[in-house]
N, C-alpha and C. Protein backbone atom coordinates (compact mmCIF):
# COMPACT_ATOMS: atom_id res chain seq x y z
N MET A 1 41.27 23.35 -100.06
CA MET A 1 40.59 24.63 -100.10
C MET A 1 39.68 24.78 -98.88
N ALA A 2 39.46 26.02 -98.52
CA ALA A 2 38.55 26.36 -97.44
C ALA A 2 37.70 27.54 -97.91
N ARG A 3 36.42 27.44 -97.68
CA ARG A 3 35.52 28.52 -98.08
C ARG A 3 35.63 29.69 -97.10
N LEU A 4 35.62 30.90 -97.66
CA LEU A 4 35.61 32.11 -96.86
C LEU A 4 34.36 32.90 -97.23
N VAL A 5 33.72 33.46 -96.22
CA VAL A 5 32.53 34.28 -96.45
C VAL A 5 32.89 35.69 -96.00
N VAL A 6 33.03 36.58 -96.97
CA VAL A 6 33.57 37.92 -96.75
C VAL A 6 32.51 38.97 -97.03
N THR A 7 32.36 39.92 -96.11
CA THR A 7 31.58 41.11 -96.41
C THR A 7 32.59 42.20 -96.71
N ASN A 8 32.56 42.71 -97.95
CA ASN A 8 33.56 43.70 -98.36
C ASN A 8 33.16 45.10 -97.87
N ARG A 9 33.98 46.08 -98.17
CA ARG A 9 33.73 47.45 -97.71
C ARG A 9 32.48 48.07 -98.32
N ALA A 10 32.01 47.52 -99.42
CA ALA A 10 30.78 48.00 -100.05
C ALA A 10 29.55 47.33 -99.44
N GLY A 11 29.78 46.43 -98.48
CA GLY A 11 28.67 45.73 -97.84
C GLY A 11 28.18 44.51 -98.59
N GLN A 12 28.90 44.12 -99.63
CA GLN A 12 28.51 42.95 -100.43
C GLN A 12 29.11 41.68 -99.84
N LEU A 13 28.31 40.63 -99.84
CA LEU A 13 28.76 39.32 -99.38
C LEU A 13 29.45 38.61 -100.54
N VAL A 14 30.69 38.18 -100.32
CA VAL A 14 31.47 37.50 -101.35
C VAL A 14 31.95 36.17 -100.79
N LYS A 15 31.76 35.10 -101.55
CA LYS A 15 32.26 33.80 -101.14
C LYS A 15 33.51 33.48 -101.94
N VAL A 16 34.54 33.04 -101.23
CA VAL A 16 35.85 32.80 -101.83
C VAL A 16 36.28 31.38 -101.51
N GLU A 17 36.83 30.70 -102.51
CA GLU A 17 37.48 29.41 -102.27
C GLU A 17 38.93 29.72 -101.94
N GLY A 18 39.27 29.66 -100.67
CA GLY A 18 40.59 30.03 -100.21
C GLY A 18 41.61 28.92 -100.39
N THR A 19 42.87 29.34 -100.50
CA THR A 19 43.99 28.42 -100.61
C THR A 19 44.57 28.16 -99.23
N LEU A 20 44.68 26.90 -98.85
CA LEU A 20 45.22 26.53 -97.54
C LEU A 20 46.71 26.84 -97.47
N GLY A 21 47.17 27.16 -96.26
CA GLY A 21 48.58 27.34 -96.03
C GLY A 21 49.11 28.74 -96.28
N ILE A 22 48.27 29.64 -96.76
CA ILE A 22 48.67 31.04 -96.90
C ILE A 22 47.74 31.88 -96.03
N SER A 23 48.10 33.12 -95.84
CA SER A 23 47.33 33.96 -94.93
C SER A 23 45.96 34.32 -95.51
N LEU A 24 45.09 34.68 -94.61
CA LEU A 24 43.78 35.18 -95.00
C LEU A 24 43.95 36.39 -95.91
N MET A 25 44.87 37.27 -95.57
CA MET A 25 45.14 38.46 -96.37
C MET A 25 45.52 38.10 -97.80
N GLU A 26 46.38 37.11 -97.97
CA GLU A 26 46.79 36.71 -99.32
C GLU A 26 45.62 36.15 -100.11
N ASN A 27 44.65 35.57 -99.43
CA ASN A 27 43.49 35.00 -100.09
C ASN A 27 42.47 36.06 -100.53
N ILE A 28 42.49 37.24 -99.90
CA ILE A 28 41.42 38.21 -100.18
C ILE A 28 41.89 39.54 -100.74
N ARG A 29 43.17 39.80 -100.79
CA ARG A 29 43.63 41.15 -101.15
C ARG A 29 43.30 41.56 -102.58
N GLU A 30 43.03 40.62 -103.46
CA GLU A 30 42.69 40.96 -104.84
C GLU A 30 41.20 41.19 -105.05
N LEU A 31 40.39 40.96 -104.04
CA LEU A 31 38.95 41.19 -104.15
C LEU A 31 38.66 42.68 -104.23
N ASP A 32 37.57 43.05 -104.90
CA ASP A 32 37.14 44.44 -104.91
C ASP A 32 36.70 44.84 -103.50
N ASP A 33 37.00 46.09 -103.13
CA ASP A 33 36.60 46.65 -101.84
C ASP A 33 37.08 45.80 -100.67
N SER A 34 38.32 45.33 -100.77
CA SER A 34 38.90 44.47 -99.74
C SER A 34 40.05 45.19 -99.02
N VAL A 35 40.91 44.43 -98.40
CA VAL A 35 42.03 44.99 -97.64
C VAL A 35 43.07 45.62 -98.57
N ASP A 36 43.82 46.59 -98.02
CA ASP A 36 44.88 47.23 -98.79
C ASP A 36 46.19 46.44 -98.69
N ALA A 37 46.51 45.95 -97.51
CA ALA A 37 47.70 45.12 -97.29
C ALA A 37 48.97 45.79 -97.80
N ILE A 38 49.16 47.03 -97.41
CA ILE A 38 50.29 47.83 -97.89
C ILE A 38 51.64 47.21 -97.58
N CYS A 39 51.80 46.62 -96.40
CA CYS A 39 53.12 46.07 -96.03
C CYS A 39 53.34 44.66 -96.57
N GLY A 40 52.34 44.10 -97.22
CA GLY A 40 52.49 42.78 -97.83
C GLY A 40 52.44 41.62 -96.85
N GLY A 41 51.95 41.87 -95.65
CA GLY A 41 51.78 40.78 -94.69
C GLY A 41 52.86 40.71 -93.63
N LEU A 42 53.56 41.80 -93.40
CA LEU A 42 54.64 41.81 -92.42
C LEU A 42 54.21 42.25 -91.03
N CYS A 43 52.91 42.43 -90.82
CA CYS A 43 52.38 42.89 -89.52
C CYS A 43 53.01 44.24 -89.16
N ALA A 44 52.99 45.15 -90.15
CA ALA A 44 53.63 46.44 -89.94
C ALA A 44 52.74 47.64 -90.26
N CYS A 45 51.53 47.40 -90.79
CA CYS A 45 50.74 48.57 -91.22
C CYS A 45 49.27 48.55 -90.77
N ALA A 46 48.71 47.43 -90.48
CA ALA A 46 47.31 47.28 -90.06
C ALA A 46 46.29 47.63 -91.15
N THR A 47 46.71 47.63 -92.43
CA THR A 47 45.76 47.91 -93.50
C THR A 47 45.03 46.66 -93.99
N CYS A 48 45.19 45.57 -93.28
CA CYS A 48 44.47 44.33 -93.61
C CYS A 48 43.51 43.95 -92.48
N HIS A 49 43.05 44.97 -91.76
CA HIS A 49 42.16 44.81 -90.61
C HIS A 49 40.81 44.22 -91.04
N VAL A 50 40.38 43.20 -90.33
CA VAL A 50 39.07 42.58 -90.55
C VAL A 50 38.38 42.38 -89.21
N PHE A 51 37.06 42.23 -89.26
CA PHE A 51 36.26 41.89 -88.09
C PHE A 51 35.79 40.45 -88.24
N ILE A 52 36.22 39.59 -87.36
CA ILE A 52 35.85 38.18 -87.39
C ILE A 52 34.45 38.02 -86.81
N ASP A 53 33.62 37.24 -87.48
CA ASP A 53 32.28 36.95 -86.98
C ASP A 53 32.41 36.33 -85.59
N PRO A 54 31.58 36.76 -84.62
CA PRO A 54 31.69 36.24 -83.26
C PRO A 54 31.70 34.72 -83.15
N ALA A 55 31.01 34.02 -84.03
CA ALA A 55 30.97 32.56 -83.98
C ALA A 55 32.34 31.94 -84.27
N TRP A 56 33.24 32.70 -84.87
CA TRP A 56 34.56 32.18 -85.27
C TRP A 56 35.71 32.67 -84.39
N VAL A 57 35.47 33.67 -83.57
CA VAL A 57 36.54 34.30 -82.79
C VAL A 57 37.36 33.28 -82.00
N ASN A 58 36.72 32.39 -81.30
CA ASN A 58 37.43 31.42 -80.45
C ASN A 58 38.06 30.27 -81.23
N LYS A 59 37.83 30.20 -82.51
CA LYS A 59 38.40 29.13 -83.34
C LYS A 59 39.74 29.55 -83.96
N LEU A 60 40.11 30.81 -83.76
CA LEU A 60 41.35 31.34 -84.32
C LEU A 60 42.45 31.33 -83.27
N PRO A 61 43.70 31.28 -83.71
CA PRO A 61 44.81 31.40 -82.76
C PRO A 61 44.75 32.77 -82.08
N GLN A 62 45.27 32.86 -80.88
CA GLN A 62 45.32 34.12 -80.14
C GLN A 62 46.13 35.15 -80.91
N ARG A 63 45.79 36.42 -80.73
CA ARG A 63 46.61 37.50 -81.30
C ARG A 63 47.95 37.55 -80.57
N GLN A 64 48.99 37.78 -81.32
CA GLN A 64 50.31 38.01 -80.74
C GLN A 64 50.41 39.48 -80.33
N ASP A 65 51.39 39.80 -79.50
CA ASP A 65 51.55 41.16 -78.98
C ASP A 65 51.68 42.21 -80.09
N GLU A 66 52.47 41.91 -81.14
CA GLU A 66 52.66 42.86 -82.23
C GLU A 66 51.35 43.20 -82.92
N GLU A 67 50.54 42.17 -83.16
CA GLU A 67 49.25 42.39 -83.81
C GLU A 67 48.34 43.23 -82.92
N THR A 68 48.28 42.90 -81.65
CA THR A 68 47.44 43.65 -80.72
C THR A 68 47.87 45.11 -80.66
N LEU A 69 49.16 45.36 -80.60
CA LEU A 69 49.67 46.73 -80.55
C LEU A 69 49.24 47.53 -81.78
N LEU A 70 49.41 46.96 -82.95
CA LEU A 70 49.04 47.65 -84.19
C LEU A 70 47.55 47.89 -84.31
N ILE A 71 46.78 46.88 -84.05
CA ILE A 71 45.34 46.95 -84.32
C ILE A 71 44.57 47.74 -83.26
N SER A 72 45.08 47.76 -82.04
CA SER A 72 44.36 48.46 -80.97
C SER A 72 44.41 49.97 -81.13
N ASP A 73 45.31 50.48 -81.97
CA ASP A 73 45.38 51.92 -82.26
C ASP A 73 44.37 52.35 -83.31
N SER A 74 43.70 51.40 -83.93
CA SER A 74 42.74 51.70 -84.99
C SER A 74 41.50 52.40 -84.44
N ASP A 75 40.99 53.36 -85.21
CA ASP A 75 39.72 54.01 -84.84
C ASP A 75 38.57 53.02 -84.87
N ASN A 76 38.73 51.93 -85.62
CA ASN A 76 37.66 50.94 -85.80
C ASN A 76 37.87 49.68 -84.97
N TYR A 77 38.75 49.73 -84.02
CA TYR A 77 39.09 48.55 -83.20
C TYR A 77 37.87 48.04 -82.44
N VAL A 78 37.64 46.73 -82.55
CA VAL A 78 36.61 46.03 -81.78
C VAL A 78 37.34 44.91 -81.04
N ALA A 79 37.45 45.05 -79.74
CA ALA A 79 38.33 44.19 -78.92
C ALA A 79 38.23 42.70 -79.25
N ASP A 80 37.04 42.16 -79.32
CA ASP A 80 36.88 40.72 -79.52
C ASP A 80 36.96 40.29 -80.98
N GLN A 81 36.73 41.20 -81.91
CA GLN A 81 36.60 40.80 -83.30
C GLN A 81 37.70 41.28 -84.23
N SER A 82 38.43 42.31 -83.87
CA SER A 82 39.45 42.87 -84.75
C SER A 82 40.66 41.95 -84.86
N ARG A 83 41.06 41.70 -86.11
CA ARG A 83 42.27 40.93 -86.39
C ARG A 83 42.94 41.49 -87.63
N LEU A 84 44.23 41.23 -87.74
CA LEU A 84 44.95 41.52 -88.97
C LEU A 84 44.91 40.25 -89.81
N SER A 85 44.38 40.34 -91.00
CA SER A 85 44.22 39.14 -91.83
C SER A 85 45.56 38.54 -92.25
N CYS A 86 46.63 39.31 -92.18
CA CYS A 86 47.96 38.77 -92.52
C CYS A 86 48.46 37.81 -91.44
N GLN A 87 47.86 37.83 -90.27
CA GLN A 87 48.33 37.01 -89.15
C GLN A 87 47.51 35.73 -88.95
N ILE A 88 46.58 35.47 -89.87
CA ILE A 88 45.74 34.28 -89.78
C ILE A 88 46.05 33.37 -90.96
N GLN A 89 46.64 32.22 -90.68
CA GLN A 89 46.93 31.24 -91.73
C GLN A 89 45.67 30.42 -91.99
N LEU A 90 45.31 30.24 -93.25
CA LEU A 90 44.11 29.50 -93.60
C LEU A 90 44.38 28.00 -93.49
N THR A 91 43.57 27.34 -92.69
CA THR A 91 43.64 25.89 -92.49
C THR A 91 42.28 25.27 -92.77
N GLU A 92 42.24 23.96 -92.86
CA GLU A 92 40.97 23.25 -93.08
C GLU A 92 39.97 23.55 -91.97
N ASP A 93 40.46 23.77 -90.75
CA ASP A 93 39.58 24.06 -89.62
C ASP A 93 38.82 25.38 -89.79
N LEU A 94 39.28 26.22 -90.69
CA LEU A 94 38.64 27.52 -90.90
C LEU A 94 37.69 27.53 -92.09
N ASP A 95 37.33 26.35 -92.59
CA ASP A 95 36.37 26.25 -93.68
C ASP A 95 35.05 26.88 -93.25
N GLY A 96 34.62 27.91 -93.98
CA GLY A 96 33.39 28.63 -93.67
C GLY A 96 33.63 29.91 -92.87
N LEU A 97 34.88 30.25 -92.60
CA LEU A 97 35.20 31.45 -91.83
C LEU A 97 34.47 32.66 -92.39
N THR A 98 33.81 33.38 -91.50
CA THR A 98 33.00 34.53 -91.88
C THR A 98 33.58 35.79 -91.24
N PHE A 99 33.77 36.82 -92.05
CA PHE A 99 34.35 38.06 -91.52
C PHE A 99 34.00 39.24 -92.43
N THR A 100 34.26 40.44 -91.90
CA THR A 100 33.97 41.69 -92.59
C THR A 100 35.24 42.51 -92.70
N ILE A 101 35.46 43.12 -93.85
CA ILE A 101 36.60 44.00 -94.04
C ILE A 101 36.34 45.28 -93.26
N ALA A 102 37.30 45.70 -92.46
CA ALA A 102 37.15 46.93 -91.68
C ALA A 102 37.19 48.15 -92.60
N PRO A 103 36.54 49.23 -92.19
CA PRO A 103 36.61 50.45 -92.99
C PRO A 103 38.03 50.98 -93.11
N GLU A 104 38.30 51.70 -94.20
CA GLU A 104 39.61 52.32 -94.36
C GLU A 104 39.75 53.43 -93.33
N GLU A 105 40.98 53.63 -92.88
CA GLU A 105 41.26 54.73 -91.95
C GLU A 105 41.96 55.83 -92.72
N PHE A 106 41.61 57.04 -92.40
CA PHE A 106 42.20 58.18 -93.12
C PHE A 106 43.09 58.99 -92.22
């Protein structure tokens, strides 16, 4: 397990015991005020957008081109912090990962 520290869309801090080996999105999609994850993790919709805490940005794998293309079109895009949670696999190295759920786009 790896601990996740999530600020949901309501601004509430939620601590989650995450399951290793699955995506961040799979670990948080059932939380209240969390990601929508409409495509189910196929990197096709950008509804699992999160903002990674600056202290963790360099500890994550680089964004792939598909992720960058999808997420950079978001009205809420933050170049250094925006990620799709479906593209981040939870590992032991990410114990304590802190992030915020991006606002919904209409």
